[in-house]
C-alpha atoms as a PDB file:
ATOM      1  CA  MET A   1      90.109 128.221 118.622  1.00  0.00           C
ATOM      2  CA  LEU A   2      92.988 129.000 116.235  1.00  0.00           C
ATOM      3  CA  ALA A   3      91.946 126.548 113.551  1.00  0.00           C
ATOM      4  CA  LYS A   4      88.238 127.338 113.296  1.00  0.00           C
ATOM      5  CA  PRO A   5      88.611 130.649 111.388  1.00  0.00           C
ATOM      6  CA  VAL A   6      90.927 128.932 108.876  1.00  0.00           C
ATOM      7  CA  MET A   7      89.483 125.419 108.628  1.00  0.00           C
ATOM      8  CA  GLY A   8      85.914 125.659 109.869  1.00  0.00           C
ATOM      9  CA  ALA A   9      84.435 123.802 112.826  1.00  0.00           C
ATOM     10  CA  LEU A  10      84.558 120.151 111.749  1.00  0.00           C
ATOM     11  CA  ALA A  11      88.023 119.841 110.152  1.00  0.00           C
ATOM     12  CA  PRO A  12      90.031 120.627 113.338  1.00  0.00           C
ATOM     13  CA  ILE A  13      88.121 117.960 115.275  1.00  0.00           C
ATOM     14  CA  VAL A  14      88.554 115.357 112.523  1.00  0.00           C
ATOM     15  CA  MET A  15      92.229 116.284 112.347  1.00  0.00           C
ATOM     16  CA  SER A  16      92.716 115.847 116.115  1.00  0.00           C
ATOM     17  CA  VAL A  17      91.029 112.437 116.076  1.00  0.00           C
ATOM     18  CA  SER A  18      92.726 111.076 112.953  1.00  0.00           C
ATOM     19  CA  ILE A  19      96.205 112.636 113.251  1.00  0.00           C
ATOM     20  CA  PHE A  20      96.591 113.320 116.997  1.00  0.00           C
ATOM     21  CA  SER A  21      99.810 115.255 116.583  1.00  0.00           C
ATOM     22  CA  GLY A  22      99.823 118.824 117.801  1.00  0.00           C
ATOM     23  CA  ALA A  23     103.066 119.688 116.025  1.00  0.00           C
ATOM     24  CA  ALA A  24     101.806 118.404 112.659  1.00  0.00           C
ATOM     25  CA  GLN A  25      98.421 120.022 113.132  1.00  0.00           C
ATOM     26  CA  PHE A  26      99.941 123.410 113.945  1.00  0.00           C
ATOM     27  CA  ALA A  27     102.351 123.098 111.017  1.00  0.00           C
ATOM     28  CA  ALA A  28      99.468 122.393 108.627  1.00  0.00           C
ATOM     29  CA  LEU A  29      97.396 125.190 110.148  1.00  0.00           C
ATOM     30  CA  SER A  30     100.286 127.650 109.777  1.00  0.00           C
ATOM     31  CA  VAL A  31     100.575 126.835 106.071  1.00  0.00           C
ATOM     32  CA  LEU A  32      96.825 127.237 105.519  1.00  0.00           C
ATOM     33  CA  ALA A  33      96.678 130.462 107.544  1.00  0.00           C
ATOM     34  CA  ALA A  34      99.476 131.887 105.382  1.00  0.00           C
ATOM     35  CA  GLY A  35      97.441 131.137 102.233  1.00  0.00           C
ATOM     36  CA  GLY A  36      99.197 127.884 101.317  1.00  0.00           C
ATOM     37  CA  THR A  37      97.509 125.035  99.478  1.00  0.00           C
ATOM     38  CA  ALA A  38      96.078 121.905 101.083  1.00  0.00           C
ATOM     39  CA  ALA A  39      98.924 119.899  99.505  1.00  0.00           C
ATOM     40  CA  ALA A  40     101.517 122.185 101.115  1.00  0.00           C
ATOM     41  CA  ALA A  41      99.727 121.898 104.481  1.00  0.00           C
ATOM     42  CA  ILE A  42      99.668 118.099 104.233  1.00  0.00           C
ATOM     43  CA  GLY A  43     103.334 118.112 103.243  1.00  0.00           C
ATOM     44  CA  ALA A  44     104.214 120.223 106.293  1.00  0.00           C
ATOM     45  CA  GLY A  45     102.326 117.821 108.553  1.00  0.00           C
ATOM     46  CA  VAL A  46     104.006 114.785 107.001  1.00  0.00           C
ATOM     47  CA  LEU A  47     107.447 116.356 107.410  1.00  0.00           C
ATOM     48  CA  MET A  48     106.675 117.177 111.031  1.00  0.00           C
ATOM     49  CA  ASN A  49     105.531 113.611 111.696  1.00  0.00           C
ATOM     50  CA  ALA A  50     108.557 112.051 110.017  1.00  0.00           C
ATOM     51  CA  ARG A  51     110.107 111.924 113.498  1.00  0.00           C
ATOM     52  CA  TRP A  52     107.727 109.065 114.306  1.00  0.00           C
ATOM     53  CA  LEU A  53     109.789 106.805 112.022  1.00  0.00           C
ATOM     54  CA  ALA A  54     112.887 107.140 114.196  1.00  0.00           C
ATOM     55  CA  MET A  55     110.787 106.821 117.354  1.00  0.00           C
ATOM     56  CA  GLY A  56     109.036 103.751 115.935  1.00  0.00           C
ATOM     57  CA  PHE A  57     112.354 102.043 115.195  1.00  0.00           C
ATOM     58  CA  ALA A  58     113.493 102.823 118.741  1.00  0.00           C
ATOM     59  CA  VAL A  59     110.318 101.556 120.433  1.00  0.00           C
ATOM     60  CA  GLY A  60     109.640  98.579 118.127  1.00  0.00           C
ATOM     61  CA  PRO A  61     111.888  96.016 119.852  1.00  0.00           C
ATOM     62  CA  SER A  62     110.204  96.756 123.204  1.00  0.00           C
ATOM     63  CA  LEU A  63     106.704  95.950 121.926  1.00  0.00           C
ATOM     64  CA  SER A  64     105.433  92.413 122.462  1.00  0.00           C
ATOM     65  CA  GLY A  65     102.902  90.239 120.677  1.00  0.00           C
ATOM     66  CA  ALA A  66     102.070  89.532 117.060  1.00  0.00           C
ATOM     67  CA  ALA A  67     102.546  92.156 114.354  1.00  0.00           C
ATOM     68  CA  PRO A  68      98.944  93.537 114.500  1.00  0.00           C
ATOM     69  CA  ALA A  69      99.141  93.999 118.295  1.00  0.00           C
ATOM     70  CA  ARG A  70     102.563  95.629 118.029  1.00  0.00           C
ATOM     71  CA  ALA A  71     101.324  97.952 115.282  1.00  0.00           C
ATOM     72  CA  LEU A  72      98.334  98.947 117.423  1.00  0.00           C
ATOM     73  CA  ARG A  73     100.531  99.676 120.459  1.00  0.00           C
ATOM     74  CA  ALA A  74     102.896 101.680 118.272  1.00  0.00           C
ATOM     75  CA  GLN A  75     100.052 104.135 117.607  1.00  0.00           C
ATOM     76  CA  ALA A  76     100.613 105.295 121.202  1.00  0.00           C
ATOM     77  CA  ILE A  77     103.977 106.863 120.310  1.00  0.00           C
ATOM     78  CA  VAL A  78     103.766 110.589 120.966  1.00  0.00           C
ATOM     79  CA  ASP A  79     106.545 112.867 122.201  1.00  0.00           C
ATOM     80  CA  ALA A  80     105.688 112.860 125.913  1.00  0.00           C
ATOM     81  CA  SER A  81     104.857 109.136 126.038  1.00  0.00           C
ATOM     82  CA  PHE A  82     108.081 108.309 124.222  1.00  0.00           C
ATOM     83  CA  ALA A  83     110.048 110.186 126.901  1.00  0.00           C
ATOM     84  CA  ILE A  84     107.960 108.867 129.806  1.00  0.00           C
ATOM     85  CA  SER A  85     108.173 105.232 128.702  1.00  0.00           C
ATOM     86  CA  SER A  86     111.941 105.292 128.097  1.00  0.00           C
ATOM     87  CA  ARG A  87     113.838 103.148 130.578  1.00  0.00           C
ATOM     88  CA  GLY A  88     117.037 105.059 129.842  1.00  0.00           C
ATOM     89  CA  ASP A  89     118.831 101.995 128.458  1.00  0.00           C
ATOM     90  CA  GLY A  90     117.381 102.061 124.947  1.00  0.00           C
ATOM     91  CA  SER A  91     114.309 100.024 125.868  1.00  0.00           C
ATOM     92  CA  PHE A  92     110.747 101.199 126.516  1.00  0.00           C
ATOM     93  CA  ASP A  93     107.911 100.152 128.831  1.00  0.00           C
ATOM     94  CA  GLN A  94     105.016  99.401 126.484  1.00  0.00           C
ATOM     95  CA  ASP A  95     102.368  99.607 129.214  1.00  0.00           C
ATOM     96  CA  ARG A  96     103.634 103.018 130.302  1.00  0.00           C
ATOM     97  CA  LEU A  97     103.722 104.110 126.640  1.00  0.00           C
ATOM     98  CA  VAL A  98     100.053 103.264 126.106  1.00  0.00           C
ATOM     99  CA  GLY A  99      99.013 104.399 129.591  1.00  0.00           C
ATOM    100  CA  ALA A 100     100.632 107.808 129.135  1.00  0.00           C
ATOM    101  CA  THR A 101      99.086 108.328 125.703  1.00  0.00           C
ATOM    102  CA  LEU A 102      95.436 107.534 126.509  1.00  0.00           C
ATOM    103  CA  PRO A 103      94.817 110.567 128.780  1.00  0.00           C
ATOM    104  CA  GLN A 104      96.738 112.789 126.355  1.00  0.00           C
ATOM    105  CA  ALA A 105      94.584 111.665 123.437  1.00  0.00           C
ATOM    106  CA  ILE A 106      91.348 112.155 125.359  1.00  0.00           C
ATOM    107  CA  SER A 107      92.456 115.598 126.554  1.00  0.00           C
ATOM    108  CA  TRP A 108      93.700 116.694 123.117  1.00  0.00           C
ATOM    109  CA  ILE A 109      90.493 115.699 121.344  1.00  0.00           C
ATOM    110  CA  ALA A 110      88.280 117.135 124.098  1.00  0.00           C
ATOM    111  CA  GLY A 111      90.350 120.332 124.089  1.00  0.00           C
ATOM    112  CA  THR A 112      89.929 120.665 120.331  1.00  0.00           C
ATOM    113  CA  ILE A 113      86.162 120.295 120.655  1.00  0.00           C
ATOM    114  CA  VAL A 114      86.019 122.849 123.476  1.00  0.00           C
ATOM    115  CA  GLY A 115      88.260 125.207 121.497  1.00  0.00           C
ATOM    116  CA  VAL A 116      86.098 124.974 118.385  1.00  0.00           C
ATOM    117  CA  LEU A 117      82.851 125.452 120.286  1.00  0.00           C
ATOM    118  CA  TRP A 118      83.819 127.997 122.955  1.00  0.00           C
ATOM    119  CA  GLY A 119      87.403 129.095 122.229  1.00  0.00           C
ATOM    120  CA  SER A 120      86.416 132.529 121.004  1.00  0.00           C
ATOM    121  CA  ALA A 121      85.268 133.364 124.547  1.00  0.00           C
ATOM    122  CA  LEU A 122      88.910 133.226 125.714  1.00  0.00           C
ATOM    123  CA  GLY A 123      90.075 136.080 123.521  1.00  0.00           C
ATOM    124  CA  ASP A 124      93.610 136.369 122.139  1.00  0.00           C
ATOM    125  CA  PRO A 125      95.681 133.244 122.966  1.00  0.00           C
ATOM    126  CA  GLU A 126      98.937 135.232 122.933  1.00  0.00           C
ATOM    127  CA  ALA A 127      97.565 137.648 125.546  1.00  0.00           C
ATOM    128  CA  LEU A 128      97.040 134.627 127.830  1.00  0.00           C
ATOM    129  CA  GLY A 129     100.529 133.263 127.128  1.00  0.00           C
ATOM    130  CA  LEU A 130      99.146 130.162 125.424  1.00  0.00           C
ATOM    131  CA  ASP A 131     101.586 130.582 122.532  1.00  0.00           C
ATOM    132  CA  ALA A 132     104.389 129.561 124.923  1.00  0.00           C
ATOM    133  CA  ILE A 133     102.868 126.182 125.797  1.00  0.00           C
ATOM    134  CA  PHE A 134     104.438 124.103 123.029  1.00  0.00           C
ATOM    135  CA  PRO A 135     107.984 125.486 123.344  1.00  0.00           C
ATOM    136  CA  ALA A 136     107.812 125.069 127.131  1.00  0.00           C
ATOM    137  CA  PHE A 137     106.460 121.518 126.743  1.00  0.00           C
ATOM    138  CA  TYR A 138     109.270 120.458 124.407  1.00  0.00           C
ATOM    139  CA  LEU A 139     111.922 122.119 126.567  1.00  0.00           C
ATOM    140  CA  ALA A 140     110.607 120.202 129.582  1.00  0.00           C
ATOM    141  CA  LEU A 141     110.806 116.928 127.626  1.00  0.00           C
ATOM    142  CA  LEU A 142     114.336 117.755 126.484  1.00  0.00           C
ATOM    143  CA  TRP A 143     115.447 118.628 130.018  1.00  0.00           C
ATOM    144  CA  GLY A 144     114.044 115.323 131.327  1.00  0.00           C
ATOM    145  CA  GLU A 145     115.929 113.379 128.654  1.00  0.00           C
ATOM    146  CA  LEU A 146     119.157 115.270 129.352  1.00  0.00           C
ATOM    147  CA  GLU A 147     118.779 114.477 133.066  1.00  0.00           C
ATOM    148  CA  ARG A 148     118.059 110.813 132.314  1.00  0.00           C
ATOM    149  CA  HIS A 149     121.201 110.525 130.180  1.00  0.00           C
ATOM    150  CA  GLY A 150     123.474 112.335 132.634  1.00  0.00           C
ATOM    151  CA  ALA A 151     124.028 115.508 130.620  1.00  0.00           C
ATOM    152  CA  VAL A 152     122.648 117.849 133.283  1.00  0.00           C
ATOM    153  CA  ASN A 153     124.980 116.760 136.079  1.00  0.00           C
ATOM    154  CA  GLY A 154     128.002 116.424 133.766  1.00  0.00           C
ATOM    155  CA  ASP A 155     128.228 112.608 133.801  1.00  0.00           C
ATOM    156  CA  SER A 156     127.767 112.441 130.032  1.00  0.00           C
ATOM    157  CA  LYS A 157     128.575 115.073 127.455  1.00  0.00           C
ATOM    158  CA  ARG A 158     127.269 113.025 124.525  1.00  0.00           C
ATOM    159  CA  ALA A 159     123.572 113.766 125.087  1.00  0.00           C
ATOM    160  CA  GLY A 160     124.267 117.447 125.692  1.00  0.00           C
ATOM    161  CA  VAL A 161     126.330 117.762 122.509  1.00  0.00           C
ATOM    162  CA  ALA A 162     123.631 116.000 120.473  1.00  0.00           C
ATOM    163  CA  ALA A 163     120.891 118.236 121.902  1.00  0.00           C
ATOM    164  CA  ALA A 164     122.927 121.413 121.378  1.00  0.00           C
ATOM    165  CA  LEU A 165     123.761 120.442 117.803  1.00  0.00           C
ATOM    166  CA  GLY A 166     120.111 119.676 117.038  1.00  0.00           C
ATOM    167  CA  ALA A 167     118.940 122.969 118.572  1.00  0.00           C
ATOM    168  CA  ALA A 168     121.558 124.996 116.694  1.00  0.00           C
ATOM    169  CA  VAL A 169     120.638 123.472 113.338  1.00  0.00           C
ATOM    170  CA  ALA A 170     116.905 123.980 113.970  1.00  0.00           C
ATOM    171  CA  LEU A 171     117.432 127.653 114.882  1.00  0.00           C
ATOM    172  CA  VAL A 172     119.523 128.272 111.771  1.00  0.00           C
ATOM    173  CA  VAL A 173     117.123 126.487 109.401  1.00  0.00           C
ATOM    174  CA  MET A 174     113.840 127.722 110.924  1.00  0.00           C
ATOM    175  CA  PRO A 175     113.713 131.247 109.403  1.00  0.00           C
ATOM    176  CA  PHE A 176     113.742 130.067 105.792  1.00  0.00           C
ATOM    177  CA  ALA A 177     112.710 126.387 105.679  1.00  0.00           C
ATOM    178  CA  PRO A 178     109.136 125.114 105.322  1.00  0.00           C
ATOM    179  CA  ALA A 179     107.372 123.884 108.462  1.00  0.00           C
ATOM    180  CA  GLY A 180     108.627 120.454 109.473  1.00  0.00           C
ATOM    181  CA  VAL A 181     112.044 120.714 107.813  1.00  0.00           C
ATOM    182  CA  PRO A 182     113.775 122.254 110.887  1.00  0.00           C
ATOM    183  CA  VAL A 183     112.583 119.306 112.993  1.00  0.00           C
ATOM    184  CA  ILE A 184     113.973 116.767 110.522  1.00  0.00           C
ATOM    185  CA  ALA A 185     117.236 118.725 110.219  1.00  0.00           C
ATOM    186  CA  ALA A 186     117.542 118.882 114.022  1.00  0.00           C
ATOM    187  CA  VAL A 187     116.970 115.122 114.344  1.00  0.00           C
ATOM    188  CA  LEU A 188     119.636 114.399 111.736  1.00  0.00           C
ATOM    189  CA  ALA A 189     122.040 116.814 113.425  1.00  0.00           C
ATOM    190  CA  ALA A 190     121.403 115.215 116.820  1.00  0.00           C
ATOM    191  CA  LEU A 191     122.089 111.767 115.346  1.00  0.00           C
ATOM    192  CA  VAL A 192     125.362 113.056 113.908  1.00  0.00           C
ATOM    193  CA  GLY A 193     126.211 114.447 117.340  1.00  0.00           C
ATOM    194  CA  LEU A 194     125.596 111.058 118.928  1.00  0.00           C
ATOM    195  CA  LYS A 195     127.587 109.270 116.243  1.00  0.00           C
ATOM    196  CA  ARG A 196     130.587 111.586 116.467  1.00  0.00           C
ATOM    197  CA  ARG A 197     130.973 111.423 120.256  1.00  0.00           C
END
């Protein structure tokens, strides 16, 4: 719906199937919509997806089997599945990781197709409040992680400090940095917060 006027009908669908990362797709779309080049859009998407490296290192030891099987299962790492599959002790349930990702992938790709074909019938996404979906989604994931690590009930200040530091850095960097950079800066700040506590 948002991508079709900028990218045409086929590119958003191909992008959803091959990249399957809403954050990276929206970052690339934002660059293109602002008149940026394809290289700048790809760069924004790559920066946004750089978080998968840290997530991959975290999940890797919990994946079983030979290297090809582990690499295939690692393709299931997306934000919600990463949070859902976390056992809270640094390990991850690989079956839950894959099981949580499959319906998300099917829904994301189907939603892209529906949006491209019939999205214009919905009207302005902001008028429907759809522009708030991604921030609300990520806040819900963050809240779940803070609860899991005891930051909400006061048992652990470490997770809360790391999250607050990451959020503060992202908010400061966001107004002037290219898409994707605030996410990387927030991750680095959160890691510093964990290290220092």
